[in-house]
Amino acid sequence: MSPHSNSPVTQDPYYKNRTETFPQEHLRGNFSIKLNNLQHTDAGKYSCYISRLPKYQTVQLIINDFVSTERGDQGETEQEGIEPSLPLLLLYSILPVLFILVIIFIVVSMRKKCSISHGQLEKRDEVLSALYESVKTDNPDETVK
């Protein structure tokens, strides 16, 4: 990497105003270059030689279609682009429906149980009131106990 690779004089016009370097990272051994506004024609092999270390590195740049966002994200990575499998989609769509059906079943069951209990209480009250109803005599002032 030439120390003046971002210099307009030595930089290839094709890459002009599209590259960034990170000099603050050089002491850590990171000599990365960021190429902005990627184009399909940017694909290919790139080599970097660091004379002070003597280190030589070659990378293959492969350009895939990507989606750009306002934040300047570099696009969709391969892993992000993977669609969930059909079984997972079915699972995620069926589970909420089953959950709702279970809730409905529980509510209906509880209502039936309550109405049956309520009906039995009413019948019990009728039987008890009939059993304990005061016996009437001919004399309205007297009641049989």
N, C-alpha and C. Protein backbone atom coordinates (compact mmCIF):
# COMPACT_ATOMS: atom_id res chain seq x y z
N MET A 1 0.85 -1.16 0.00
CA MET A 1 0.00 0.00 0.00
C MET A 1 0.89 1.22 0.00
N SER A 2 0.68 2.04 -0.91
CA SER A 2 1.45 3.27 -0.98
C SER A 2 0.88 4.27 0.02
N PRO A 3 1.74 4.98 0.75
CA PRO A 3 1.23 5.93 1.74
C PRO A 3 0.37 7.03 1.12
N HIS A 4 0.49 7.22 -0.16
CA HIS A 4 -0.28 8.29 -0.81
C HIS A 4 -1.32 7.73 -1.77
N SER A 5 -1.86 6.55 -1.45
CA SER A 5 -2.79 5.92 -2.39
C SER A 5 -4.08 6.71 -2.57
N ASN A 6 -4.43 7.53 -1.59
CA ASN A 6 -5.62 8.36 -1.71
C ASN A 6 -5.31 9.69 -2.39
N SER A 7 -4.07 9.91 -2.67
CA SER A 7 -3.67 11.15 -3.32
C SER A 7 -4.21 11.19 -4.75
N PRO A 8 -4.85 12.28 -5.15
CA PRO A 8 -5.39 12.37 -6.51
C PRO A 8 -4.32 12.22 -7.58
N VAL A 9 -3.06 12.50 -7.25
CA VAL A 9 -1.98 12.42 -8.23
C VAL A 9 -1.65 10.96 -8.55
N THR A 10 -1.57 10.09 -7.52
CA THR A 10 -1.14 8.71 -7.74
C THR A 10 -2.30 7.72 -7.82
N GLN A 11 -3.48 8.15 -7.50
CA GLN A 11 -4.62 7.23 -7.49
C GLN A 11 -5.19 7.06 -8.89
N ASP A 12 -5.53 5.82 -9.22
CA ASP A 12 -6.17 5.53 -10.50
C ASP A 12 -7.47 6.32 -10.58
N PRO A 13 -7.70 7.03 -11.67
CA PRO A 13 -8.92 7.85 -11.80
C PRO A 13 -10.21 7.04 -11.64
N TYR A 14 -10.15 5.75 -11.95
CA TYR A 14 -11.33 4.90 -11.82
C TYR A 14 -11.80 4.81 -10.37
N TYR A 15 -10.85 4.92 -9.42
CA TYR A 15 -11.18 4.80 -7.99
C TYR A 15 -11.24 6.16 -7.29
N LYS A 16 -11.07 7.23 -8.02
CA LYS A 16 -11.02 8.57 -7.44
C LYS A 16 -12.29 8.86 -6.64
N ASN A 17 -12.11 9.34 -5.42
CA ASN A 17 -13.18 9.71 -4.49
C ASN A 17 -14.06 8.52 -4.08
N ARG A 18 -13.54 7.30 -4.25
CA ARG A 18 -14.31 6.12 -3.85
C ARG A 18 -13.58 5.28 -2.82
N THR A 19 -12.36 5.65 -2.45
CA THR A 19 -11.59 4.83 -1.51
C THR A 19 -11.39 5.56 -0.19
N GLU A 20 -11.28 4.75 0.86
CA GLU A 20 -10.96 5.28 2.19
C GLU A 20 -9.90 4.38 2.80
N THR A 21 -8.97 4.99 3.51
CA THR A 21 -8.00 4.22 4.29
C THR A 21 -8.21 4.59 5.75
N PHE A 22 -7.60 3.82 6.62
CA PHE A 22 -7.77 4.02 8.06
C PHE A 22 -6.40 4.09 8.73
N PRO A 23 -5.70 5.21 8.58
CA PRO A 23 -4.33 5.34 9.11
C PRO A 23 -4.23 5.08 10.61
N GLN A 24 -5.26 5.41 11.37
CA GLN A 24 -5.22 5.18 12.81
C GLN A 24 -5.15 3.69 13.15
N GLU A 25 -5.50 2.84 12.23
CA GLU A 25 -5.47 1.39 12.43
C GLU A 25 -4.14 0.76 12.01
N HIS A 26 -3.29 1.49 11.33
CA HIS A 26 -2.03 0.93 10.82
C HIS A 26 -1.15 0.38 11.93
N LEU A 27 -1.11 1.05 13.08
CA LEU A 27 -0.27 0.57 14.19
C LEU A 27 -0.75 -0.79 14.71
N ARG A 28 -2.00 -1.08 14.53
CA ARG A 28 -2.56 -2.37 14.94
C ARG A 28 -2.40 -3.44 13.87
N GLY A 29 -1.83 -3.07 12.74
CA GLY A 29 -1.63 -4.03 11.66
C GLY A 29 -2.82 -4.12 10.71
N ASN A 30 -3.76 -3.20 10.83
CA ASN A 30 -4.93 -3.20 9.96
C ASN A 30 -4.72 -2.18 8.85
N PHE A 31 -4.49 -2.67 7.64
CA PHE A 31 -4.26 -1.80 6.49
C PHE A 31 -5.44 -1.87 5.52
N SER A 32 -6.62 -1.96 6.07
CA SER A 32 -7.83 -2.10 5.24
C SER A 32 -8.07 -0.88 4.38
N ILE A 33 -8.68 -1.14 3.24
CA ILE A 33 -9.12 -0.08 2.34
C ILE A 33 -10.60 -0.31 2.09
N LYS A 34 -11.36 0.74 2.16
CA LYS A 34 -12.80 0.64 1.89
C LYS A 34 -13.06 1.25 0.52
N LEU A 35 -13.72 0.48 -0.32
CA LEU A 35 -14.08 0.94 -1.65
C LEU A 35 -15.58 1.22 -1.65
N ASN A 36 -15.95 2.49 -1.81
CA ASN A 36 -17.35 2.91 -1.79
C ASN A 36 -17.96 2.86 -3.17
N ASN A 37 -19.28 2.90 -3.20
CA ASN A 37 -20.04 2.90 -4.46
C ASN A 37 -19.59 1.76 -5.38
N LEU A 38 -19.62 0.56 -4.84
CA LEU A 38 -19.18 -0.61 -5.61
C LEU A 38 -19.97 -0.76 -6.91
N GLN A 39 -19.25 -1.22 -7.92
CA GLN A 39 -19.84 -1.49 -9.22
C GLN A 39 -19.44 -2.91 -9.60
N HIS A 40 -20.20 -3.52 -10.48
CA HIS A 40 -19.87 -4.89 -10.90
C HIS A 40 -18.48 -4.95 -11.54
N THR A 41 -18.05 -3.88 -12.14
CA THR A 41 -16.73 -3.86 -12.77
C THR A 41 -15.60 -3.82 -11.74
N ASP A 42 -15.92 -3.58 -10.47
CA ASP A 42 -14.90 -3.59 -9.42
C ASP A 42 -14.50 -5.01 -9.02
N ALA A 43 -15.25 -5.99 -9.45
CA ALA A 43 -14.95 -7.38 -9.09
C ALA A 43 -13.59 -7.77 -9.66
N GLY A 44 -12.88 -8.62 -8.91
CA GLY A 44 -11.58 -9.10 -9.37
C GLY A 44 -10.61 -9.27 -8.22
N LYS A 45 -9.33 -9.49 -8.57
CA LYS A 45 -8.29 -9.67 -7.57
C LYS A 45 -7.65 -8.33 -7.22
N TYR A 46 -7.43 -8.14 -5.94
CA TYR A 46 -6.75 -6.94 -5.44
C TYR A 46 -5.58 -7.41 -4.60
N SER A 47 -4.44 -6.75 -4.79
CA SER A 47 -3.23 -7.11 -4.05
C SER A 47 -2.76 -5.93 -3.23
N CYS A 48 -2.19 -6.26 -2.08
CA CYS A 48 -1.66 -5.23 -1.19
C CYS A 48 -0.28 -5.68 -0.73
N TYR A 49 0.69 -4.81 -0.90
CA TYR A 49 2.04 -5.10 -0.44
C TYR A 49 2.42 -4.03 0.58
N ILE A 50 2.81 -4.47 1.78
CA ILE A 50 3.23 -3.55 2.83
C ILE A 50 4.73 -3.70 2.97
N SER A 51 5.45 -2.71 2.48
CA SER A 51 6.91 -2.82 2.39
C SER A 51 7.58 -2.83 3.76
N ARG A 52 7.00 -2.17 4.74
CA ARG A 52 7.64 -2.12 6.06
C ARG A 52 7.59 -3.46 6.79
N LEU A 53 6.63 -4.29 6.47
CA LEU A 53 6.48 -5.54 7.21
C LEU A 53 7.14 -6.73 6.56
N PRO A 54 7.61 -6.81 5.50
CA PRO A 54 7.22 -7.17 4.15
C PRO A 54 6.07 -8.18 4.15
N LYS A 55 4.94 -7.67 3.80
CA LYS A 55 3.73 -8.49 3.78
C LYS A 55 3.00 -8.25 2.47
N TYR A 56 2.53 -9.35 1.88
CA TYR A 56 1.83 -9.28 0.60
C TYR A 56 0.52 -10.05 0.76
N GLN A 57 -0.57 -9.43 0.40
CA GLN A 57 -1.88 -10.07 0.55
C GLN A 57 -2.68 -9.86 -0.73
N THR A 58 -3.38 -10.92 -1.15
CA THR A 58 -4.26 -10.84 -2.32
C THR A 58 -5.66 -11.26 -1.88
N VAL A 59 -6.64 -10.51 -2.34
CA VAL A 59 -8.04 -10.87 -2.05
C VAL A 59 -8.83 -10.89 -3.35
N GLN A 60 -9.85 -11.71 -3.38
CA GLN A 60 -10.75 -11.78 -4.53
C GLN A 60 -12.04 -11.07 -4.13
N LEU A 61 -12.39 -10.01 -4.84
CA LEU A 61 -13.62 -9.28 -4.58
C LEU A 61 -14.71 -9.79 -5.50
N ILE A 62 -15.78 -10.27 -4.89
CA ILE A 62 -16.94 -10.76 -5.64
C ILE A 62 -18.09 -9.82 -5.34
N ILE A 63 -18.71 -9.30 -6.37
CA ILE A 63 -19.81 -8.36 -6.21
C ILE A 63 -21.13 -9.10 -6.42
N ASN A 64 -21.96 -9.09 -5.40
CA ASN A 64 -23.32 -9.62 -5.49
C ASN A 64 -24.27 -8.44 -5.48
N ASP A 65 -25.46 -8.62 -6.02
CA ASP A 65 -26.46 -7.56 -5.91
C ASP A 65 -26.77 -7.35 -4.44
N PHE A 66 -26.99 -6.11 -4.06
CA PHE A 66 -27.29 -5.81 -2.68
C PHE A 66 -28.26 -4.65 -2.62
N VAL A 67 -28.84 -4.48 -1.44
CA VAL A 67 -29.80 -3.40 -1.22
C VAL A 67 -29.11 -2.33 -0.40
N SER A 68 -29.17 -1.11 -0.88
CA SER A 68 -28.57 0.00 -0.16
C SER A 68 -29.62 0.65 0.72
N THR A 69 -29.22 1.13 1.89
CA THR A 69 -30.15 1.81 2.79
C THR A 69 -29.65 3.21 3.06
N GLU A 70 -30.49 4.01 3.70
CA GLU A 70 -30.10 5.39 4.00
C GLU A 70 -28.92 5.46 4.95
N ARG A 71 -28.80 4.46 5.82
CA ARG A 71 -27.71 4.48 6.80
C ARG A 71 -26.37 4.20 6.15
N GLY A 72 -26.39 3.79 4.91
CA GLY A 72 -25.13 3.50 4.23
C GLY A 72 -24.64 2.09 4.48
N ASP A 73 -25.54 1.20 4.89
CA ASP A 73 -25.13 -0.19 5.08
C ASP A 73 -24.59 -0.72 3.76
N GLN A 74 -23.71 -1.68 3.87
CA GLN A 74 -23.09 -2.20 2.67
C GLN A 74 -24.00 -3.18 1.94
N GLY A 75 -25.17 -3.37 2.43
CA GLY A 75 -26.11 -4.23 1.73
C GLY A 75 -26.36 -5.51 2.47
N GLU A 76 -27.00 -6.37 1.79
CA GLU A 76 -27.43 -7.62 2.37
C GLU A 76 -26.31 -8.64 2.24
N THR A 77 -25.94 -9.25 3.34
CA THR A 77 -24.92 -10.29 3.29
C THR A 77 -25.58 -11.58 2.87
N GLU A 78 -24.76 -12.55 2.53
CA GLU A 78 -25.29 -13.85 2.11
C GLU A 78 -26.17 -14.45 3.19
N GLN A 79 -25.71 -14.36 4.44
CA GLN A 79 -26.46 -14.96 5.53
C GLN A 79 -27.79 -14.26 5.73
N GLU A 80 -27.83 -12.93 5.61
CA GLU A 80 -29.07 -12.19 5.77
C GLU A 80 -30.03 -12.49 4.63
N GLY A 81 -29.51 -12.85 3.48
CA GLY A 81 -30.34 -13.09 2.31
C GLY A 81 -30.98 -14.47 2.30
N ILE A 82 -30.61 -15.33 3.24
CA ILE A 82 -31.16 -16.68 3.27
C ILE A 82 -32.60 -16.61 3.78
N GLU A 83 -33.50 -17.21 3.02
CA GLU A 83 -34.90 -17.21 3.43
C GLU A 83 -35.14 -18.38 4.37
N PRO A 84 -36.03 -18.18 5.35
CA PRO A 84 -36.34 -19.27 6.27
C PRO A 84 -36.95 -20.45 5.51
N SER A 85 -36.73 -21.63 6.01
CA SER A 85 -37.25 -22.82 5.34
C SER A 85 -38.77 -22.90 5.50
N LEU A 86 -39.39 -23.65 4.63
CA LEU A 86 -40.85 -23.80 4.63
C LEU A 86 -41.37 -24.33 5.97
N PRO A 87 -40.74 -25.36 6.56
CA PRO A 87 -41.24 -25.83 7.86
C PRO A 87 -41.24 -24.74 8.93
N LEU A 88 -40.22 -23.90 8.94
CA LEU A 88 -40.19 -22.82 9.93
C LEU A 88 -41.30 -21.82 9.67
N LEU A 89 -41.53 -21.49 8.41
CA LEU A 89 -42.61 -20.56 8.09
C LEU A 89 -43.95 -21.13 8.53
N LEU A 90 -44.17 -22.42 8.27
CA LEU A 90 -45.41 -23.05 8.71
C LEU A 90 -45.53 -23.04 10.22
N LEU A 91 -44.45 -23.35 10.90
CA LEU A 91 -44.46 -23.37 12.35
C LEU A 91 -44.81 -21.99 12.91
N TYR A 92 -44.17 -20.96 12.38
CA TYR A 92 -44.41 -19.60 12.87
C TYR A 92 -45.81 -19.10 12.52
N SER A 93 -46.41 -19.62 11.49
CA SER A 93 -47.76 -19.17 11.14
C SER A 93 -48.83 -20.01 11.83
N ILE A 94 -48.56 -21.28 12.13
CA ILE A 94 -49.55 -22.15 12.75
C ILE A 94 -49.59 -21.97 14.27
N LEU A 95 -48.46 -21.75 14.90
CA LEU A 95 -48.42 -21.63 16.36
C LEU A 95 -49.36 -20.54 16.90
N PRO A 96 -49.35 -19.34 16.36
CA PRO A 96 -50.28 -18.33 16.89
C PRO A 96 -51.74 -18.73 16.73
N VAL A 97 -52.08 -19.37 15.63
CA VAL A 97 -53.46 -19.82 15.41
C VAL A 97 -53.84 -20.87 16.45
N LEU A 98 -52.95 -21.84 16.68
CA LEU A 98 -53.22 -22.87 17.68
C LEU A 98 -53.37 -22.26 19.07
N PHE A 99 -52.54 -21.30 19.39
CA PHE A 99 -52.60 -20.63 20.69
C PHE A 99 -53.97 -19.97 20.87
N ILE A 100 -54.44 -19.28 19.86
CA ILE A 100 -55.74 -18.60 19.92
C ILE A 100 -56.86 -19.63 20.08
N LEU A 101 -56.78 -20.75 19.34
CA LEU A 101 -57.80 -21.80 19.45
C LEU A 101 -57.83 -22.41 20.85
N VAL A 102 -56.67 -22.61 21.45
CA VAL A 102 -56.61 -23.16 22.81
C VAL A 102 -57.26 -22.18 23.79
N ILE A 103 -56.98 -20.91 23.66
CA ILE A 103 -57.58 -19.89 24.53
C ILE A 103 -59.10 -19.90 24.38
N ILE A 104 -59.59 -19.96 23.14
CA ILE A 104 -61.03 -19.99 22.90
C ILE A 104 -61.65 -21.24 23.54
N PHE A 105 -61.00 -22.39 23.39
CA PHE A 105 -61.48 -23.63 23.98
C PHE A 105 -61.58 -23.51 25.50
N ILE A 106 -60.56 -22.95 26.12
CA ILE A 106 -60.56 -22.79 27.58
C ILE A 106 -61.70 -21.88 28.02
N VAL A 107 -61.89 -20.77 27.33
CA VAL A 107 -62.95 -19.82 27.69
C VAL A 107 -64.32 -20.47 27.55
N VAL A 108 -64.55 -21.18 26.45
CA VAL A 108 -65.84 -21.84 26.23
C VAL A 108 -66.07 -22.91 27.30
N SER A 109 -65.06 -23.69 27.62
CA SER A 109 -65.18 -24.73 28.64
C SER A 109 -65.52 -24.14 30.00
N MET A 110 -64.86 -23.05 30.35
CA MET A 110 -65.12 -22.40 31.64
C MET A 110 -66.54 -21.86 31.69
N ARG A 111 -67.01 -21.29 30.60
CA ARG A 111 -68.38 -20.76 30.58
C ARG A 111 -69.40 -21.88 30.75
N LYS A 112 -69.19 -23.00 30.06
CA LYS A 112 -70.10 -24.13 30.19
C LYS A 112 -70.11 -24.64 31.63
N LYS A 113 -68.92 -24.76 32.21
CA LYS A 113 -68.80 -25.25 33.57
C LYS A 113 -69.52 -24.32 34.54
N CYS A 114 -69.34 -23.02 34.34
CA CYS A 114 -69.99 -22.04 35.21
C CYS A 114 -71.50 -22.08 35.04
N SER A 115 -71.98 -22.22 33.83
CA SER A 115 -73.43 -22.24 33.61
C SER A 115 -74.04 -23.51 34.19
N ILE A 116 -73.34 -24.64 34.11
CA ILE A 116 -73.83 -25.88 34.71
C ILE A 116 -73.86 -25.73 36.22
N SER A 117 -72.79 -25.20 36.80
CA SER A 117 -72.73 -24.99 38.24
C SER A 117 -73.84 -24.04 38.68
N HIS A 118 -74.04 -23.00 37.94
CA HIS A 118 -75.06 -22.01 38.27
C HIS A 118 -76.45 -22.65 38.20
N GLY A 119 -76.68 -23.48 37.19
CA GLY A 119 -77.96 -24.19 37.06
C GLY A 119 -78.19 -25.14 38.21
N GLN A 120 -77.16 -25.84 38.66
CA GLN A 120 -77.28 -26.77 39.78
C GLN A 120 -77.57 -26.01 41.07
N LEU A 121 -76.96 -24.86 41.23
CA LEU A 121 -77.22 -24.06 42.43
C LEU A 121 -78.67 -23.61 42.47
N GLU A 122 -79.19 -23.20 41.32
CA GLU A 122 -80.58 -22.77 41.27
C GLU A 122 -81.51 -23.92 41.65
N LYS A 123 -81.25 -25.12 41.11
CA LYS A 123 -82.08 -26.29 41.44
C LYS A 123 -81.97 -26.63 42.92
N ARG A 124 -80.78 -26.57 43.48
CA ARG A 124 -80.57 -26.86 44.90
C ARG A 124 -81.35 -25.88 45.75
N ASP A 125 -81.29 -24.60 45.37
CA ASP A 125 -82.02 -23.58 46.12
C ASP A 125 -83.52 -23.84 46.08
N GLU A 126 -84.02 -24.28 44.93
CA GLU A 126 -85.45 -24.59 44.82
C GLU A 126 -85.82 -25.76 45.73
N VAL A 127 -84.99 -26.81 45.75
CA VAL A 127 -85.25 -27.99 46.59
C VAL A 127 -85.21 -27.60 48.06
N LEU A 128 -84.17 -26.84 48.44
CA LEU A 128 -84.05 -26.44 49.84
C LEU A 128 -85.21 -25.56 50.27
N SER A 129 -85.60 -24.64 49.44
CA SER A 129 -86.70 -23.76 49.82
C SER A 129 -88.00 -24.55 49.94
N ALA A 130 -88.16 -25.58 49.12
CA ALA A 130 -89.35 -26.42 49.22
C ALA A 130 -89.33 -27.23 50.50
N LEU A 131 -88.15 -27.74 50.91
CA LEU A 131 -88.03 -28.54 52.12
C LEU A 131 -88.27 -27.70 53.38
N TYR A 132 -87.75 -26.51 53.37
CA TYR A 132 -87.81 -25.69 54.57
C TYR A 132 -88.95 -24.67 54.55
N GLU A 133 -89.84 -24.82 53.63
CA GLU A 133 -90.97 -23.89 53.56
C GLU A 133 -91.85 -24.11 54.80
N SER A 134 -92.26 -23.06 55.36
CA SER A 134 -93.10 -23.15 56.56
C SER A 134 -94.40 -23.85 56.22
N VAL A 135 -94.77 -24.70 57.13
CA VAL A 135 -96.03 -25.41 56.96
C VAL A 135 -97.14 -24.50 57.47
N LYS A 136 -98.15 -24.34 56.70
CA LYS A 136 -99.23 -23.45 57.09
C LYS A 136 -100.32 -24.25 57.81
N THR A 137 -100.85 -23.62 58.77
CA THR A 137 -101.96 -24.23 59.51
C THR A 137 -103.22 -23.41 59.25
N ASP A 138 -104.27 -23.86 59.86
CA ASP A 138 -105.52 -23.13 59.71
C ASP A 138 -105.45 -21.79 60.42
N ASN A 139 -104.69 -21.77 61.48
CA ASN A 139 -104.54 -20.53 62.23
C ASN A 139 -103.36 -19.77 61.65
N PRO A 140 -103.58 -18.59 61.09
CA PRO A 140 -102.48 -17.87 60.46
C PRO A 140 -101.39 -17.42 61.42
N ASP A 141 -101.72 -17.39 62.73
CA ASP A 141 -100.70 -16.96 63.69
C ASP A 141 -99.75 -18.09 64.05
N GLU A 142 -100.14 -19.33 63.79
CA GLU A 142 -99.29 -20.45 64.16
C GLU A 142 -98.59 -21.02 62.93
N THR A 143 -97.38 -21.45 63.17
CA THR A 143 -96.65 -22.16 62.13
C THR A 143 -96.08 -23.42 62.74
N VAL A 144 -95.99 -24.47 61.99
CA VAL A 144 -95.44 -25.73 62.48
C VAL A 144 -93.96 -25.72 62.24
N LYS A 145 -93.26 -26.17 63.29
CA LYS A 145 -91.81 -26.18 63.17
C LYS A 145 -91.30 -27.57 63.10
